[in-house]
Amino acid sequence: MAGTAGKTLPTAAKAGAEVRPRRRRKDARPQELTAAALALFVEKGFAATRLDEIAARAGVSKGTLYLYFDSKEALFKAAIEEGVLPAIEAGEALLDEYGDDPVGLVRGFLRAWWEQIGSTAYGGIPKLMFAEAANFPEVARYYNEAVIQRGVALLRTAVARGIASGVFRPVELSVISPLLISPLIHLATWRNSIAPLCGAGVDPDCYLETHIDLVLHGLCAGKKPDGEQR
């Protein structure tokens, strides 16, 4: 028995070692495919990217890609669901975390957007949307409903709370959200378009902190964000 066990255990161990990596690889393939798709969409554009290129970038066959996704649109939606929607949900959670602190809430939203979206591979999506939304209206509508409108609502709620509590001065809420986030979208778009050709450009941390400082000093009613009188 001992001799038999000694001969069979290495074989079983070897078999297990072969099966487990393959299983992990299979489980990881959807994420590998969406990452490859997003990178190519940002680099080449949505229209110019082919499914076989996405498969090749991910290191799989085109047939394997079709086991998970049947179109570029499906890949784009999956990328949003994997990376962008969790960031939106985290932002929605900040509404409770900073319930009585509108200054911290606005700061938290803007920093979280940059850290989780703008500074990552997902920061290339605004560039993609600006360039190709008209050619792919269904994709654009999905992005608007799933991402833009939820983000707009978050920032508007944060500012409205500040106004209601007297911390922020009254401002036009219908336009406040794009005014707050547009500078960050500009930075993300710059980093994914012109910046690679023109050098490093501005320091993102300095840019972000300066923007937040200007926003809060512009919003706060009668006092600076640190409580010091104007």
C-alpha atoms as a PDB file:
ATOM      1  CA  MET A   1       0.000   0.000   0.000  1.00  0.00           C
ATOM      2  CA  ALA A   2       2.751   2.407   0.942  1.00  0.00           C
ATOM      3  CA  GLY A   3       4.606   1.647  -2.277  1.00  0.00           C
ATOM      4  CA  THR A   4       1.492   2.131  -4.360  1.00  0.00           C
ATOM      5  CA  ALA A   5       0.669   5.415  -2.631  1.00  0.00           C
ATOM      6  CA  GLY A   6       4.180   6.606  -3.226  1.00  0.00           C
ATOM      7  CA  LYS A   7       3.790   6.002  -6.939  1.00  0.00           C
ATOM      8  CA  THR A   8       0.297   7.415  -7.397  1.00  0.00           C
ATOM      9  CA  LEU A   9       0.490  10.615  -5.326  1.00  0.00           C
ATOM     10  CA  PRO A  10       2.923  12.458  -7.641  1.00  0.00           C
ATOM     11  CA  THR A  11       0.678  11.641 -10.596  1.00  0.00           C
ATOM     12  CA  ALA A  12      -2.400  12.951  -8.797  1.00  0.00           C
ATOM     13  CA  ALA A  13      -0.532  16.035  -7.642  1.00  0.00           C
ATOM     14  CA  LYS A  14       0.646  16.666 -11.174  1.00  0.00           C
ATOM     15  CA  ALA A  15      -2.864  16.282 -12.535  1.00  0.00           C
ATOM     16  CA  GLY A  16      -4.219  18.685  -9.951  1.00  0.00           C
ATOM     17  CA  ALA A  17      -1.503  21.209 -10.760  1.00  0.00           C
ATOM     18  CA  GLU A  18      -2.484  21.061 -14.421  1.00  0.00           C
ATOM     19  CA  VAL A  19      -6.220  21.398 -13.855  1.00  0.00           C
ATOM     20  CA  ARG A  20      -6.201  24.292 -11.359  1.00  0.00           C
ATOM     21  CA  PRO A  21      -4.237  26.801 -13.506  1.00  0.00           C
ATOM     22  CA  ARG A  22      -6.515  26.050 -16.433  1.00  0.00           C
ATOM     23  CA  ARG A  23      -9.567  26.670 -14.247  1.00  0.00           C
ATOM     24  CA  ARG A  24      -8.165  29.961 -12.982  1.00  0.00           C
ATOM     25  CA  ARG A  25      -7.302  30.961 -16.522  1.00  0.00           C
ATOM     26  CA  LYS A  26     -10.824  30.197 -17.722  1.00  0.00           C
ATOM     27  CA  ASP A  27     -12.368  32.150 -14.875  1.00  0.00           C
ATOM     28  CA  ALA A  28     -10.148  35.121 -15.653  1.00  0.00           C
ATOM     29  CA  ARG A  29     -10.859  35.215 -19.385  1.00  0.00           C
ATOM     30  CA  PRO A  30     -13.868  37.577 -19.337  1.00  0.00           C
ATOM     31  CA  GLN A  31     -11.829  40.162 -17.432  1.00  0.00           C
ATOM     32  CA  GLU A  32      -8.836  39.647 -19.729  1.00  0.00           C
ATOM     33  CA  LEU A  33     -11.064  40.137 -22.761  1.00  0.00           C
ATOM     34  CA  THR A  34     -12.724  43.293 -21.441  1.00  0.00           C
ATOM     35  CA  ALA A  35      -9.342  44.751 -20.455  1.00  0.00           C
ATOM     36  CA  ALA A  36      -7.977  44.041 -23.931  1.00  0.00           C
ATOM     37  CA  ALA A  37     -11.099  45.478 -25.546  1.00  0.00           C
ATOM     38  CA  LEU A  38     -10.996  48.679 -23.497  1.00  0.00           C
ATOM     39  CA  ALA A  39      -7.312  49.227 -24.246  1.00  0.00           C
ATOM     40  CA  LEU A  40      -7.880  48.816 -27.983  1.00  0.00           C
ATOM     41  CA  PHE A  41     -11.033  50.943 -28.003  1.00  0.00           C
ATOM     42  CA  VAL A  42      -9.092  53.810 -26.419  1.00  0.00           C
ATOM     43  CA  GLU A  43      -6.020  53.308 -28.629  1.00  0.00           C
ATOM     44  CA  LYS A  44      -7.710  52.754 -31.998  1.00  0.00           C
ATOM     45  CA  GLY A  45     -11.315  53.804 -31.559  1.00  0.00           C
ATOM     46  CA  PHE A  46     -14.445  51.714 -31.230  1.00  0.00           C
ATOM     47  CA  ALA A  47     -15.152  51.475 -34.951  1.00  0.00           C
ATOM     48  CA  ALA A  48     -11.583  50.599 -35.950  1.00  0.00           C
ATOM     49  CA  THR A  49     -11.137  47.823 -33.398  1.00  0.00           C
ATOM     50  CA  ARG A  50     -11.833  44.286 -34.653  1.00  0.00           C
ATOM     51  CA  LEU A  51     -12.881  41.350 -32.524  1.00  0.00           C
ATOM     52  CA  ASP A  52      -9.947  39.262 -33.727  1.00  0.00           C
ATOM     53  CA  GLU A  53      -7.593  42.012 -32.514  1.00  0.00           C
ATOM     54  CA  ILE A  54      -9.210  41.914 -29.095  1.00  0.00           C
ATOM     55  CA  ALA A  55      -8.833  38.137 -28.952  1.00  0.00           C
ATOM     56  CA  ALA A  56      -5.179  38.392 -29.972  1.00  0.00           C
ATOM     57  CA  ARG A  57      -4.464  41.092 -27.364  1.00  0.00           C
ATOM     58  CA  ALA A  58      -6.038  38.855 -24.711  1.00  0.00           C
ATOM     59  CA  GLY A  59      -4.096  35.823 -25.909  1.00  0.00           C
ATOM     60  CA  VAL A  60      -7.092  33.719 -26.943  1.00  0.00           C
ATOM     61  CA  SER A  61      -8.710  32.631 -30.192  1.00  0.00           C
ATOM     62  CA  LYS A  62     -11.619  34.499 -31.729  1.00  0.00           C
ATOM     63  CA  GLY A  63     -13.751  31.430 -31.097  1.00  0.00           C
ATOM     64  CA  THR A  64     -12.929  31.626 -27.398  1.00  0.00           C
ATOM     65  CA  LEU A  65     -13.922  35.285 -27.356  1.00  0.00           C
ATOM     66  CA  TYR A  66     -17.338  34.352 -28.758  1.00  0.00           C
ATOM     67  CA  LEU A  67     -17.876  31.962 -25.847  1.00  0.00           C
ATOM     68  CA  TYR A  68     -18.143  35.036 -23.631  1.00  0.00           C
ATOM     69  CA  PHE A  69     -19.111  38.004 -25.811  1.00  0.00           C
ATOM     70  CA  ASP A  70     -20.972  38.261 -29.105  1.00  0.00           C
ATOM     71  CA  SER A  71     -20.074  41.847 -30.031  1.00  0.00           C
ATOM     72  CA  LYS A  72     -17.928  44.875 -29.290  1.00  0.00           C
ATOM     73  CA  GLU A  73     -20.950  46.494 -27.669  1.00  0.00           C
ATOM     74  CA  ALA A  74     -21.203  43.593 -25.211  1.00  0.00           C
ATOM     75  CA  LEU A  75     -17.509  43.938 -24.390  1.00  0.00           C
ATOM     76  CA  PHE A  76     -17.881  47.657 -23.770  1.00  0.00           C
ATOM     77  CA  LYS A  77     -20.864  47.158 -21.463  1.00  0.00           C
ATOM     78  CA  ALA A  78     -18.990  44.456 -19.554  1.00  0.00           C
ATOM     79  CA  ALA A  79     -16.009  46.783 -19.093  1.00  0.00           C
ATOM     80  CA  ILE A  80     -18.324  49.447 -17.664  1.00  0.00           C
ATOM     81  CA  GLU A  81     -19.985  46.949 -15.342  1.00  0.00           C
ATOM     82  CA  GLU A  82     -16.647  45.633 -14.096  1.00  0.00           C
ATOM     83  CA  GLY A  83     -14.806  48.881 -13.510  1.00  0.00           C
ATOM     84  CA  VAL A  84     -16.972  51.979 -13.678  1.00  0.00           C
ATOM     85  CA  LEU A  85     -20.208  50.954 -11.994  1.00  0.00           C
ATOM     86  CA  PRO A  86     -18.417  49.787  -8.818  1.00  0.00           C
ATOM     87  CA  ALA A  87     -16.858  53.253  -8.614  1.00  0.00           C
ATOM     88  CA  ILE A  88     -20.298  54.845  -8.969  1.00  0.00           C
ATOM     89  CA  GLU A  89     -21.643  52.555  -6.253  1.00  0.00           C
ATOM     90  CA  ALA A  90     -18.734  53.515  -3.995  1.00  0.00           C
ATOM     91  CA  GLY A  91     -19.614  57.161  -4.612  1.00  0.00           C
ATOM     92  CA  GLU A  92     -23.224  56.499  -3.650  1.00  0.00           C
ATOM     93  CA  ALA A  93     -21.986  54.932  -0.416  1.00  0.00           C
ATOM     94  CA  LEU A  94     -20.219  58.220   0.395  1.00  0.00           C
ATOM     95  CA  LEU A  95     -23.638  59.871   0.741  1.00  0.00           C
ATOM     96  CA  ASP A  96     -24.059  58.013   4.031  1.00  0.00           C
ATOM     97  CA  GLU A  97     -20.430  58.258   5.108  1.00  0.00           C
ATOM     98  CA  TYR A  98     -20.371  62.065   4.783  1.00  0.00           C
ATOM     99  CA  GLY A  99     -24.033  62.648   5.624  1.00  0.00           C
ATOM    100  CA  ASP A 100     -23.441  65.875   7.574  1.00  0.00           C
ATOM    101  CA  ASP A 101     -20.215  66.979   5.888  1.00  0.00           C
ATOM    102  CA  PRO A 102     -20.907  68.405   2.403  1.00  0.00           C
ATOM    103  CA  VAL A 103     -17.338  69.679   2.051  1.00  0.00           C
ATOM    104  CA  GLY A 104     -15.940  66.205   2.715  1.00  0.00           C
ATOM    105  CA  LEU A 105     -18.576  64.722   0.416  1.00  0.00           C
ATOM    106  CA  VAL A 106     -17.660  66.893  -2.582  1.00  0.00           C
ATOM    107  CA  ARG A 107     -13.957  66.357  -1.947  1.00  0.00           C
ATOM    108  CA  GLY A 108     -14.516  62.610  -1.557  1.00  0.00           C
ATOM    109  CA  PHE A 109     -16.489  62.356  -4.805  1.00  0.00           C
ATOM    110  CA  LEU A 110     -13.909  64.204  -6.876  1.00  0.00           C
ATOM    111  CA  ARG A 111     -10.941  62.338  -5.427  1.00  0.00           C
ATOM    112  CA  ALA A 112     -12.678  58.970  -5.779  1.00  0.00           C
ATOM    113  CA  TRP A 113     -13.550  59.647  -9.428  1.00  0.00           C
ATOM    114  CA  TRP A 114      -9.948  60.415 -10.241  1.00  0.00           C
ATOM    115  CA  GLU A 115      -8.453  57.550  -8.256  1.00  0.00           C
ATOM    116  CA  GLN A 116     -10.890  54.883  -9.426  1.00  0.00           C
ATOM    117  CA  ILE A 117     -11.645  56.048 -12.971  1.00  0.00           C
ATOM    118  CA  GLY A 118      -9.695  59.037 -14.273  1.00  0.00           C
ATOM    119  CA  SER A 119      -6.214  57.780 -13.417  1.00  0.00           C
ATOM    120  CA  THR A 120      -6.918  54.193 -14.539  1.00  0.00           C
ATOM    121  CA  ALA A 121      -7.553  52.528 -17.889  1.00  0.00           C
ATOM    122  CA  TYR A 122     -11.185  53.608 -17.556  1.00  0.00           C
ATOM    123  CA  GLY A 123     -10.058  57.219 -17.857  1.00  0.00           C
ATOM    124  CA  GLY A 124      -9.891  56.686 -21.615  1.00  0.00           C
ATOM    125  CA  ILE A 125     -13.647  56.175 -21.878  1.00  0.00           C
ATOM    126  CA  PRO A 126     -14.576  59.895 -22.036  1.00  0.00           C
ATOM    127  CA  LYS A 127     -12.241  60.281 -25.025  1.00  0.00           C
ATOM    128  CA  LEU A 128     -13.932  57.298 -26.650  1.00  0.00           C
ATOM    129  CA  MET A 129     -17.415  58.664 -26.001  1.00  0.00           C
ATOM    130  CA  PHE A 130     -16.615  62.141 -27.298  1.00  0.00           C
ATOM    131  CA  ALA A 131     -15.138  60.740 -30.494  1.00  0.00           C
ATOM    132  CA  GLU A 132     -17.649  58.039 -31.382  1.00  0.00           C
ATOM    133  CA  ALA A 133     -20.937  58.482 -29.528  1.00  0.00           C
ATOM    134  CA  ALA A 134     -22.765  59.660 -32.647  1.00  0.00           C
ATOM    135  CA  ASN A 135     -21.686  56.571 -34.579  1.00  0.00           C
ATOM    136  CA  PHE A 136     -22.733  54.153 -31.830  1.00  0.00           C
ATOM    137  CA  PRO A 137     -25.870  55.658 -30.267  1.00  0.00           C
ATOM    138  CA  GLU A 138     -26.851  52.521 -28.342  1.00  0.00           C
ATOM    139  CA  VAL A 139     -23.465  52.407 -26.639  1.00  0.00           C
ATOM    140  CA  ALA A 140     -23.685  56.124 -25.883  1.00  0.00           C
ATOM    141  CA  ARG A 141     -27.195  55.802 -24.459  1.00  0.00           C
ATOM    142  CA  TYR A 142     -26.109  52.955 -22.214  1.00  0.00           C
ATOM    143  CA  TYR A 143     -23.129  54.949 -20.922  1.00  0.00           C
ATOM    144  CA  ASN A 144     -25.299  58.010 -20.323  1.00  0.00           C
ATOM    145  CA  GLU A 145     -27.887  56.085 -18.336  1.00  0.00           C
ATOM    146  CA  ALA A 146     -25.558  53.774 -16.420  1.00  0.00           C
ATOM    147  CA  VAL A 147     -22.753  56.214 -15.655  1.00  0.00           C
ATOM    148  CA  ILE A 148     -23.267  59.866 -16.511  1.00  0.00           C
ATOM    149  CA  GLN A 149     -26.721  60.367 -15.041  1.00  0.00           C
ATOM    150  CA  ARG A 150     -25.834  58.554 -11.814  1.00  0.00           C
ATOM    151  CA  GLY A 151     -22.671  60.617 -11.449  1.00  0.00           C
ATOM    152  CA  VAL A 152     -24.562  63.840 -12.123  1.00  0.00           C
ATOM    153  CA  ALA A 153     -27.112  62.926  -9.471  1.00  0.00           C
ATOM    154  CA  LEU A 154     -24.387  62.238  -6.900  1.00  0.00           C
ATOM    155  CA  LEU A 155     -22.663  65.591  -7.302  1.00  0.00           C
ATOM    156  CA  ARG A 156     -25.951  67.469  -7.411  1.00  0.00           C
ATOM    157  CA  THR A 157     -27.066  65.779  -4.198  1.00  0.00           C
ATOM    158  CA  ALA A 158     -23.793  66.660  -2.471  1.00  0.00           C
ATOM    159  CA  VAL A 159     -24.061  70.326  -3.386  1.00  0.00           C
ATOM    160  CA  ALA A 160     -27.778  70.473  -2.570  1.00  0.00           C
ATOM    161  CA  ARG A 161     -27.039  69.154   0.911  1.00  0.00           C
ATOM    162  CA  GLY A 162     -24.429  71.850   1.397  1.00  0.00           C
ATOM    163  CA  ILE A 163     -26.850  74.555   0.315  1.00  0.00           C
ATOM    164  CA  ALA A 164     -29.608  73.219   2.574  1.00  0.00           C
ATOM    165  CA  SER A 165     -27.280  73.213   5.570  1.00  0.00           C
ATOM    166  CA  GLY A 166     -25.973  76.730   4.853  1.00  0.00           C
ATOM    167  CA  VAL A 167     -22.422  75.522   4.241  1.00  0.00           C
ATOM    168  CA  PHE A 168     -22.608  76.257   0.496  1.00  0.00           C
ATOM    169  CA  ARG A 169     -24.050  79.339  -1.096  1.00  0.00           C
ATOM    170  CA  PRO A 170     -26.982  78.888  -3.503  1.00  0.00           C
ATOM    171  CA  VAL A 171     -25.907  77.875  -7.022  1.00  0.00           C
ATOM    172  CA  GLU A 172     -27.708  76.571 -10.099  1.00  0.00           C
ATOM    173  CA  LEU A 173     -27.960  72.835  -9.445  1.00  0.00           C
ATOM    174  CA  SER A 174     -28.922  71.955 -13.016  1.00  0.00           C
ATOM    175  CA  VAL A 175     -25.402  72.782 -14.227  1.00  0.00           C
ATOM    176  CA  ILE A 176     -23.257  72.209 -11.136  1.00  0.00           C
ATOM    177  CA  SER A 177     -22.344  68.577 -11.803  1.00  0.00           C
ATOM    178  CA  PRO A 178     -20.712  69.056 -15.235  1.00  0.00           C
ATOM    179  CA  LEU A 179     -18.929  72.157 -13.935  1.00  0.00           C
ATOM    180  CA  LEU A 180     -17.415  70.143 -11.092  1.00  0.00           C
ATOM    181  CA  ILE A 181     -16.378  67.062 -13.070  1.00  0.00           C
ATOM    182  CA  SER A 182     -15.435  68.534 -16.469  1.00  0.00           C
ATOM    183  CA  PRO A 183     -11.889  69.587 -15.439  1.00  0.00           C
ATOM    184  CA  LEU A 184     -11.181  66.011 -14.338  1.00  0.00           C
ATOM    185  CA  ILE A 185     -12.607  64.600 -17.561  1.00  0.00           C
ATOM    186  CA  HIS A 186     -10.398  67.041 -19.449  1.00  0.00           C
ATOM    187  CA  LEU A 187      -7.323  65.787 -17.594  1.00  0.00           C
ATOM    188  CA  ALA A 188      -8.235  62.134 -18.224  1.00  0.00           C
ATOM    189  CA  THR A 189      -8.866  62.834 -21.919  1.00  0.00           C
ATOM    190  CA  TRP A 190      -5.584  64.730 -22.214  1.00  0.00           C
ATOM    191  CA  ARG A 191      -3.678  61.827 -20.646  1.00  0.00           C
ATOM    192  CA  ASN A 192      -5.214  59.424 -23.157  1.00  0.00           C
ATOM    193  CA  SER A 193      -4.730  61.561 -26.256  1.00  0.00           C
ATOM    194  CA  ILE A 194      -2.206  64.399 -26.450  1.00  0.00           C
ATOM    195  CA  ALA A 195      -0.091  63.810 -23.331  1.00  0.00           C
ATOM    196  CA  PRO A 196       1.879  60.818 -24.708  1.00  0.00           C
ATOM    197  CA  LEU A 197       3.041  63.046 -27.562  1.00  0.00           C
ATOM    198  CA  CYS A 198       3.752  66.167 -25.527  1.00  0.00           C
ATOM    199  CA  GLY A 199       5.473  65.001 -22.382  1.00  0.00           C
ATOM    200  CA  ALA A 200       4.151  64.587 -18.872  1.00  0.00           C
ATOM    201  CA  GLY A 201       2.271  67.893 -18.686  1.00  0.00           C
ATOM    202  CA  VAL A 202       0.707  68.897 -15.370  1.00  0.00           C
ATOM    203  CA  ASP A 203       1.077  66.876 -12.203  1.00  0.00           C
ATOM    204  CA  PRO A 204      -2.267  65.094 -11.644  1.00  0.00           C
ATOM    205  CA  ASP A 205      -2.169  65.398  -7.843  1.00  0.00           C
ATOM    206  CA  CYS A 206      -1.471  69.116  -8.005  1.00  0.00           C
ATOM    207  CA  TYR A 207      -4.159  69.565 -10.664  1.00  0.00           C
ATOM    208  CA  LEU A 208      -6.715  67.669  -8.580  1.00  0.00           C
ATOM    209  CA  GLU A 209      -6.007  69.473  -5.327  1.00  0.00           C
ATOM    210  CA  THR A 210      -6.014  72.882  -7.015  1.00  0.00           C
ATOM    211  CA  HIS A 211      -9.343  72.121  -8.674  1.00  0.00           C
ATOM    212  CA  ILE A 212     -10.901  70.936  -5.414  1.00  0.00           C
ATOM    213  CA  ASP A 213      -9.572  74.031  -3.616  1.00  0.00           C
ATOM    214  CA  LEU A 214     -11.124  76.341  -6.222  1.00  0.00           C
ATOM    215  CA  VAL A 215     -14.421  74.453  -6.156  1.00  0.00           C
ATOM    216  CA  LEU A 216     -14.788  74.537  -2.394  1.00  0.00           C
ATOM    217  CA  HIS A 217     -13.752  78.173  -2.048  1.00  0.00           C
ATOM    218  CA  GLY A 218     -16.259  79.032  -4.751  1.00  0.00           C
ATOM    219  CA  LEU A 219     -19.090  77.076  -3.131  1.00  0.00           C
ATOM    220  CA  CYS A 220     -18.647  77.821   0.548  1.00  0.00           C
ATOM    221  CA  ALA A 221     -20.936  80.486   1.974  1.00  0.00           C
ATOM    222  CA  GLY A 222     -19.244  83.149   4.050  1.00  0.00           C
ATOM    223  CA  LYS A 223     -16.380  80.935   5.200  1.00  0.00           C
ATOM    224  CA  LYS A 224     -13.457  79.191   3.615  1.00  0.00           C
ATOM    225  CA  PRO A 225     -13.598  75.376   3.632  1.00  0.00           C
ATOM    226  CA  ASP A 226     -11.212  75.250   6.606  1.00  0.00           C
ATOM    227  CA  GLY A 227     -13.575  77.442   8.634  1.00  0.00           C
ATOM    228  CA  GLU A 228     -11.486  80.645   8.337  1.00  0.00           C
ATOM    229  CA  GLN A 229     -13.518  83.769   7.599  1.00  0.00           C
ATOM    230  CA  ARG A 230     -13.181  85.223   4.070  1.00  0.00           C
END
